[in-house]
Amino acid sequence: MANLCSNWVTLQGEPENVKAYMNDIKALSEESERTGNGVKAVEDETGEYMFDLYVDECGFSFESKWTPVFASLRYLSAKHGVTTTNIYEECGCMVYGQWTSDGINETDVFLEPEEWN
């Protein structure tokens, strides 16, 4: 089994845009529950899928394999004009950071293994 990367996502933007973004996430979560498969918001060749989505009013969390799922989050940010912040960690491969995107501009603050101490 792949190492799981834990992802915690928060959103900033106009309330109606955040609501529309969250509606897309809820639909993805329902699809994942119905099919038992991972989901993604955009069809691409990255192989990045979201699993075990947990959705609440303030944001959502999910698991992914090995790495974060930037393609889907970037797509949803651009589609809805919302800034997405994803805090991610995968301790087995020492992957940890915070990624932020508004759909156009993005930053990824990644901690190197020696910074974990």
N, C-alpha and C. Protein backbone atom coordinates (compact mmCIF):
# COMPACT_ATOMS: atom_id res chain seq x y z
N MET A 1 0.84 -1.18 0.00
CA MET A 1 0.00 0.00 0.00
C MET A 1 0.89 1.24 0.00
N ALA A 2 0.45 2.23 -0.72
CA ALA A 2 1.19 3.50 -0.82
C ALA A 2 1.18 4.23 0.52
N ASN A 3 2.22 5.02 0.76
CA ASN A 3 2.20 5.92 1.90
C ASN A 3 1.13 6.96 1.64
N LEU A 4 0.36 7.28 2.67
CA LEU A 4 -0.70 8.27 2.51
C LEU A 4 -0.21 9.64 2.91
N CYS A 5 -0.57 10.62 2.11
CA CYS A 5 -0.28 12.02 2.38
C CYS A 5 -1.56 12.64 2.93
N SER A 6 -1.49 13.20 4.12
CA SER A 6 -2.66 13.86 4.72
C SER A 6 -2.70 15.31 4.26
N ASN A 7 -3.89 15.78 3.89
CA ASN A 7 -4.09 17.12 3.35
C ASN A 7 -5.21 17.82 4.11
N TRP A 8 -4.94 19.06 4.56
CA TRP A 8 -5.96 19.88 5.22
C TRP A 8 -6.10 21.16 4.41
N VAL A 9 -7.31 21.46 3.96
CA VAL A 9 -7.53 22.55 3.02
C VAL A 9 -8.47 23.60 3.61
N THR A 10 -8.06 24.87 3.46
CA THR A 10 -8.93 26.00 3.82
C THR A 10 -9.06 26.89 2.59
N LEU A 11 -10.13 27.66 2.56
CA LEU A 11 -10.45 28.50 1.41
C LEU A 11 -10.67 29.93 1.83
N GLN A 12 -10.31 30.87 0.93
CA GLN A 12 -10.58 32.28 1.14
C GLN A 12 -11.14 32.85 -0.15
N GLY A 13 -12.17 33.66 -0.02
CA GLY A 13 -12.75 34.29 -1.19
C GLY A 13 -14.15 34.80 -0.88
N GLU A 14 -14.82 35.26 -1.91
CA GLU A 14 -16.20 35.71 -1.75
C GLU A 14 -17.05 34.52 -1.30
N PRO A 15 -17.96 34.77 -0.35
CA PRO A 15 -18.75 33.65 0.20
C PRO A 15 -19.44 32.79 -0.84
N GLU A 16 -20.00 33.41 -1.88
CA GLU A 16 -20.71 32.61 -2.89
C GLU A 16 -19.73 31.75 -3.70
N ASN A 17 -18.49 32.23 -3.90
CA ASN A 17 -17.49 31.46 -4.62
C ASN A 17 -16.98 30.29 -3.77
N VAL A 18 -16.78 30.57 -2.49
CA VAL A 18 -16.36 29.50 -1.58
C VAL A 18 -17.44 28.42 -1.51
N LYS A 19 -18.69 28.84 -1.45
CA LYS A 19 -19.81 27.88 -1.40
C LYS A 19 -19.85 27.02 -2.65
N ALA A 20 -19.64 27.62 -3.82
CA ALA A 20 -19.65 26.86 -5.07
C ALA A 20 -18.48 25.87 -5.10
N TYR A 21 -17.32 26.29 -4.65
CA TYR A 21 -16.15 25.41 -4.56
C TYR A 21 -16.48 24.22 -3.65
N MET A 22 -17.03 24.52 -2.47
CA MET A 22 -17.36 23.46 -1.52
C MET A 22 -18.43 22.52 -2.08
N ASN A 23 -19.35 23.04 -2.88
CA ASN A 23 -20.35 22.17 -3.52
C ASN A 23 -19.67 21.17 -4.45
N ASP A 24 -18.64 21.62 -5.18
CA ASP A 24 -17.89 20.70 -6.03
C ASP A 24 -17.18 19.64 -5.18
N ILE A 25 -16.61 20.05 -4.06
CA ILE A 25 -15.93 19.10 -3.17
C ILE A 25 -16.92 18.10 -2.59
N LYS A 26 -18.10 18.58 -2.18
CA LYS A 26 -19.12 17.66 -1.66
C LYS A 26 -19.53 16.65 -2.71
N ALA A 27 -19.67 17.08 -3.96
CA ALA A 27 -20.02 16.17 -5.05
C ALA A 27 -18.92 15.13 -5.26
N LEU A 28 -17.67 15.55 -5.19
CA LEU A 28 -16.56 14.61 -5.31
C LEU A 28 -16.55 13.61 -4.15
N SER A 29 -16.83 14.11 -2.94
CA SER A 29 -16.89 13.24 -1.77
C SER A 29 -17.99 12.19 -1.92
N GLU A 30 -19.15 12.62 -2.39
CA GLU A 30 -20.26 11.69 -2.60
C GLU A 30 -19.92 10.65 -3.67
N GLU A 31 -19.25 11.09 -4.74
CA GLU A 31 -18.84 10.17 -5.78
C GLU A 31 -17.86 9.13 -5.23
N SER A 32 -16.91 9.58 -4.42
CA SER A 32 -15.93 8.68 -3.83
C SER A 32 -16.61 7.66 -2.91
N GLU A 33 -17.56 8.13 -2.11
CA GLU A 33 -18.29 7.21 -1.22
C GLU A 33 -19.10 6.20 -2.02
N ARG A 34 -19.74 6.67 -3.09
CA ARG A 34 -20.59 5.81 -3.90
C ARG A 34 -19.77 4.74 -4.63
N THR A 35 -18.61 5.13 -5.17
CA THR A 35 -17.83 4.20 -5.99
C THR A 35 -16.75 3.47 -5.21
N GLY A 36 -16.33 4.03 -4.07
CA GLY A 36 -15.22 3.45 -3.32
C GLY A 36 -13.87 3.75 -3.94
N ASN A 37 -13.83 4.68 -4.89
CA ASN A 37 -12.59 5.03 -5.58
C ASN A 37 -12.14 6.44 -5.22
N GLY A 38 -10.89 6.73 -5.52
CA GLY A 38 -10.39 8.08 -5.40
C GLY A 38 -11.01 8.96 -6.47
N VAL A 39 -10.98 10.26 -6.24
CA VAL A 39 -11.58 11.21 -7.19
C VAL A 39 -10.63 12.36 -7.46
N LYS A 40 -10.87 13.05 -8.56
CA LYS A 40 -10.15 14.27 -8.88
C LYS A 40 -11.09 15.21 -9.60
N ALA A 41 -10.81 16.52 -9.49
CA ALA A 41 -11.68 17.53 -10.07
C ALA A 41 -11.38 17.80 -11.53
N VAL A 42 -10.23 17.40 -11.99
CA VAL A 42 -9.82 17.66 -13.36
C VAL A 42 -9.19 16.40 -13.94
N GLU A 43 -9.55 16.11 -15.17
CA GLU A 43 -8.94 14.95 -15.83
C GLU A 43 -7.58 15.34 -16.36
N ASP A 44 -6.56 14.67 -15.88
CA ASP A 44 -5.20 14.92 -16.32
C ASP A 44 -4.43 13.62 -16.17
N GLU A 45 -3.16 13.69 -16.44
CA GLU A 45 -2.34 12.48 -16.40
C GLU A 45 -1.47 12.39 -15.16
N THR A 46 -1.78 13.18 -14.12
CA THR A 46 -0.92 13.19 -12.93
C THR A 46 -1.08 11.95 -12.07
N GLY A 47 -2.22 11.31 -12.12
CA GLY A 47 -2.45 10.18 -11.23
C GLY A 47 -2.74 10.60 -9.80
N GLU A 48 -3.02 11.90 -9.60
CA GLU A 48 -3.30 12.43 -8.27
C GLU A 48 -4.79 12.30 -7.96
N TYR A 49 -5.12 11.49 -6.98
CA TYR A 49 -6.51 11.28 -6.57
C TYR A 49 -6.69 11.63 -5.10
N MET A 50 -7.90 12.06 -4.76
CA MET A 50 -8.26 12.33 -3.37
C MET A 50 -9.06 11.14 -2.84
N PHE A 51 -8.74 10.72 -1.61
CA PHE A 51 -9.42 9.61 -0.96
C PHE A 51 -9.90 10.07 0.42
N ASP A 52 -10.93 9.42 0.92
CA ASP A 52 -11.39 9.65 2.30
C ASP A 52 -11.61 11.14 2.59
N LEU A 53 -12.38 11.80 1.73
CA LEU A 53 -12.67 13.21 1.94
C LEU A 53 -13.54 13.42 3.17
N TYR A 54 -13.18 14.42 3.96
CA TYR A 54 -13.99 14.85 5.10
C TYR A 54 -14.30 16.32 4.86
N VAL A 55 -15.58 16.65 4.79
CA VAL A 55 -16.01 18.00 4.45
C VAL A 55 -16.78 18.61 5.61
N ASP A 56 -16.42 19.85 5.99
CA ASP A 56 -17.21 20.60 6.97
C ASP A 56 -17.37 22.03 6.46
N GLU A 57 -17.92 22.91 7.27
CA GLU A 57 -18.20 24.28 6.83
C GLU A 57 -16.94 25.11 6.63
N CYS A 58 -15.88 24.76 7.31
CA CYS A 58 -14.66 25.58 7.29
C CYS A 58 -13.65 25.14 6.25
N GLY A 59 -13.80 23.99 5.69
CA GLY A 59 -12.85 23.47 4.72
C GLY A 59 -13.03 21.97 4.57
N PHE A 60 -11.97 21.30 4.18
CA PHE A 60 -12.07 19.86 3.99
C PHE A 60 -10.68 19.25 4.14
N SER A 61 -10.66 17.95 4.30
CA SER A 61 -9.41 17.21 4.37
C SER A 61 -9.57 15.94 3.56
N PHE A 62 -8.44 15.36 3.20
CA PHE A 62 -8.46 14.12 2.43
C PHE A 62 -7.09 13.48 2.50
N GLU A 63 -7.01 12.27 2.00
CA GLU A 63 -5.76 11.55 1.88
C GLU A 63 -5.43 11.44 0.40
N SER A 64 -4.15 11.40 0.10
CA SER A 64 -3.68 11.15 -1.26
C SER A 64 -2.48 10.21 -1.17
N LYS A 65 -2.07 9.66 -2.29
CA LYS A 65 -0.94 8.73 -2.29
C LYS A 65 0.36 9.49 -2.49
N TRP A 66 1.24 9.38 -1.53
CA TRP A 66 2.61 9.89 -1.55
C TRP A 66 2.72 11.41 -1.53
N THR A 67 1.97 12.11 -2.35
CA THR A 67 2.13 13.56 -2.51
C THR A 67 0.79 14.27 -2.48
N PRO A 68 0.80 15.59 -2.33
CA PRO A 68 -0.45 16.36 -2.40
C PRO A 68 -1.07 16.30 -3.79
N VAL A 69 -2.27 16.84 -3.90
CA VAL A 69 -3.05 16.80 -5.14
C VAL A 69 -3.22 18.23 -5.67
N PHE A 70 -2.16 18.79 -6.21
CA PHE A 70 -2.21 20.19 -6.60
C PHE A 70 -3.07 20.45 -7.84
N ALA A 71 -3.11 19.54 -8.81
CA ALA A 71 -3.82 19.80 -10.06
C ALA A 71 -5.32 20.06 -9.82
N SER A 72 -5.97 19.22 -9.03
CA SER A 72 -7.41 19.41 -8.76
C SER A 72 -7.66 20.68 -7.97
N LEU A 73 -6.81 20.94 -6.96
CA LEU A 73 -7.00 22.13 -6.14
C LEU A 73 -6.76 23.40 -6.95
N ARG A 74 -5.76 23.39 -7.82
CA ARG A 74 -5.47 24.52 -8.70
C ARG A 74 -6.67 24.78 -9.63
N TYR A 75 -7.19 23.71 -10.21
CA TYR A 75 -8.34 23.82 -11.11
C TYR A 75 -9.54 24.45 -10.40
N LEU A 76 -9.86 23.95 -9.20
CA LEU A 76 -11.01 24.48 -8.46
C LEU A 76 -10.79 25.94 -8.04
N SER A 77 -9.56 26.30 -7.69
CA SER A 77 -9.26 27.69 -7.34
C SER A 77 -9.53 28.61 -8.52
N ALA A 78 -9.05 28.22 -9.70
CA ALA A 78 -9.26 29.03 -10.90
C ALA A 78 -10.73 29.08 -11.29
N LYS A 79 -11.39 27.94 -11.22
CA LYS A 79 -12.81 27.86 -11.61
C LYS A 79 -13.68 28.77 -10.77
N HIS A 80 -13.39 28.86 -9.47
CA HIS A 80 -14.26 29.59 -8.56
C HIS A 80 -13.69 30.92 -8.06
N GLY A 81 -12.47 31.26 -8.46
CA GLY A 81 -11.87 32.51 -8.01
C GLY A 81 -11.65 32.55 -6.51
N VAL A 82 -11.17 31.42 -5.98
CA VAL A 82 -10.97 31.25 -4.54
C VAL A 82 -9.50 30.92 -4.29
N THR A 83 -8.96 31.42 -3.19
CA THR A 83 -7.60 31.05 -2.79
C THR A 83 -7.67 29.80 -1.93
N THR A 84 -6.91 28.80 -2.33
CA THR A 84 -6.86 27.51 -1.64
C THR A 84 -5.53 27.38 -0.91
N THR A 85 -5.59 27.00 0.36
CA THR A 85 -4.38 26.69 1.11
C THR A 85 -4.46 25.24 1.54
N ASN A 86 -3.43 24.48 1.16
CA ASN A 86 -3.36 23.05 1.48
C ASN A 86 -2.12 22.80 2.33
N ILE A 87 -2.34 22.41 3.57
CA ILE A 87 -1.24 21.97 4.43
C ILE A 87 -1.17 20.46 4.27
N TYR A 88 0.01 19.96 3.94
CA TYR A 88 0.15 18.53 3.65
C TYR A 88 1.33 17.93 4.39
N GLU A 89 1.20 16.63 4.68
CA GLU A 89 2.31 15.91 5.30
C GLU A 89 2.24 14.43 4.96
N GLU A 90 3.39 13.88 4.69
CA GLU A 90 3.54 12.45 4.48
C GLU A 90 4.84 12.08 5.18
N CYS A 91 4.70 11.65 6.40
CA CYS A 91 5.86 11.45 7.28
C CYS A 91 6.79 10.34 6.80
N GLY A 92 6.28 9.32 6.14
CA GLY A 92 7.11 8.21 5.69
C GLY A 92 8.19 8.63 4.72
N CYS A 93 7.87 9.56 3.83
CA CYS A 93 8.85 10.06 2.86
C CYS A 93 9.33 11.46 3.22
N MET A 94 8.95 11.92 4.40
CA MET A 94 9.34 13.23 4.91
C MET A 94 8.92 14.36 3.96
N VAL A 95 7.66 14.33 3.57
CA VAL A 95 7.07 15.38 2.75
C VAL A 95 6.17 16.21 3.65
N TYR A 96 6.46 17.51 3.73
CA TYR A 96 5.65 18.38 4.57
C TYR A 96 5.73 19.79 4.01
N GLY A 97 4.57 20.46 3.94
CA GLY A 97 4.60 21.84 3.46
C GLY A 97 3.23 22.48 3.45
N GLN A 98 3.22 23.69 2.91
CA GLN A 98 1.98 24.45 2.75
C GLN A 98 1.98 25.04 1.35
N TRP A 99 0.94 24.74 0.61
CA TRP A 99 0.79 25.17 -0.77
C TRP A 99 -0.43 26.08 -0.84
N THR A 100 -0.30 27.19 -1.55
CA THR A 100 -1.40 28.14 -1.70
C THR A 100 -1.52 28.51 -3.17
N SER A 101 -2.77 28.58 -3.66
CA SER A 101 -3.01 28.95 -5.05
C SER A 101 -4.30 29.72 -5.19
N ASP A 102 -4.29 30.71 -6.07
CA ASP A 102 -5.53 31.39 -6.44
C ASP A 102 -5.96 30.96 -7.83
N GLY A 103 -5.34 29.92 -8.35
CA GLY A 103 -5.65 29.42 -9.68
C GLY A 103 -4.69 29.93 -10.73
N ILE A 104 -3.96 31.01 -10.40
CA ILE A 104 -2.97 31.58 -11.32
C ILE A 104 -1.60 31.58 -10.64
N ASN A 105 -1.54 32.24 -9.50
CA ASN A 105 -0.30 32.33 -8.73
C ASN A 105 -0.32 31.27 -7.64
N GLU A 106 0.86 30.73 -7.36
CA GLU A 106 0.92 29.76 -6.26
C GLU A 106 2.28 29.77 -5.60
N THR A 107 2.26 29.33 -4.35
CA THR A 107 3.48 29.17 -3.58
C THR A 107 3.45 27.80 -2.93
N ASP A 108 4.61 27.22 -2.74
CA ASP A 108 4.74 25.95 -2.04
C ASP A 108 5.92 26.07 -1.10
N VAL A 109 5.64 26.14 0.18
CA VAL A 109 6.69 26.20 1.19
C VAL A 109 6.88 24.77 1.68
N PHE A 110 7.98 24.17 1.25
CA PHE A 110 8.27 22.76 1.51
C PHE A 110 9.40 22.68 2.53
N LEU A 111 9.21 21.89 3.56
CA LEU A 111 10.26 21.69 4.55
C LEU A 111 11.18 20.54 4.12
N GLU A 112 12.46 20.81 4.16
CA GLU A 112 13.45 19.78 3.87
C GLU A 112 13.58 18.88 5.10
N PRO A 113 13.99 17.61 4.93
CA PRO A 113 14.08 16.69 6.07
C PRO A 113 14.89 17.24 7.24
N GLU A 114 15.97 17.96 6.99
CA GLU A 114 16.77 18.48 8.10
C GLU A 114 16.04 19.58 8.87
N GLU A 115 15.01 20.16 8.29
CA GLU A 115 14.22 21.20 8.98
C GLU A 115 13.18 20.61 9.94
N TRP A 116 12.98 19.30 9.90
CA TRP A 116 11.99 18.65 10.75
C TRP A 116 12.43 18.60 12.20
N ASN A 117 13.67 18.72 12.49
CA ASN A 117 14.18 18.58 13.85
C ASN A 117 14.00 19.83 14.65
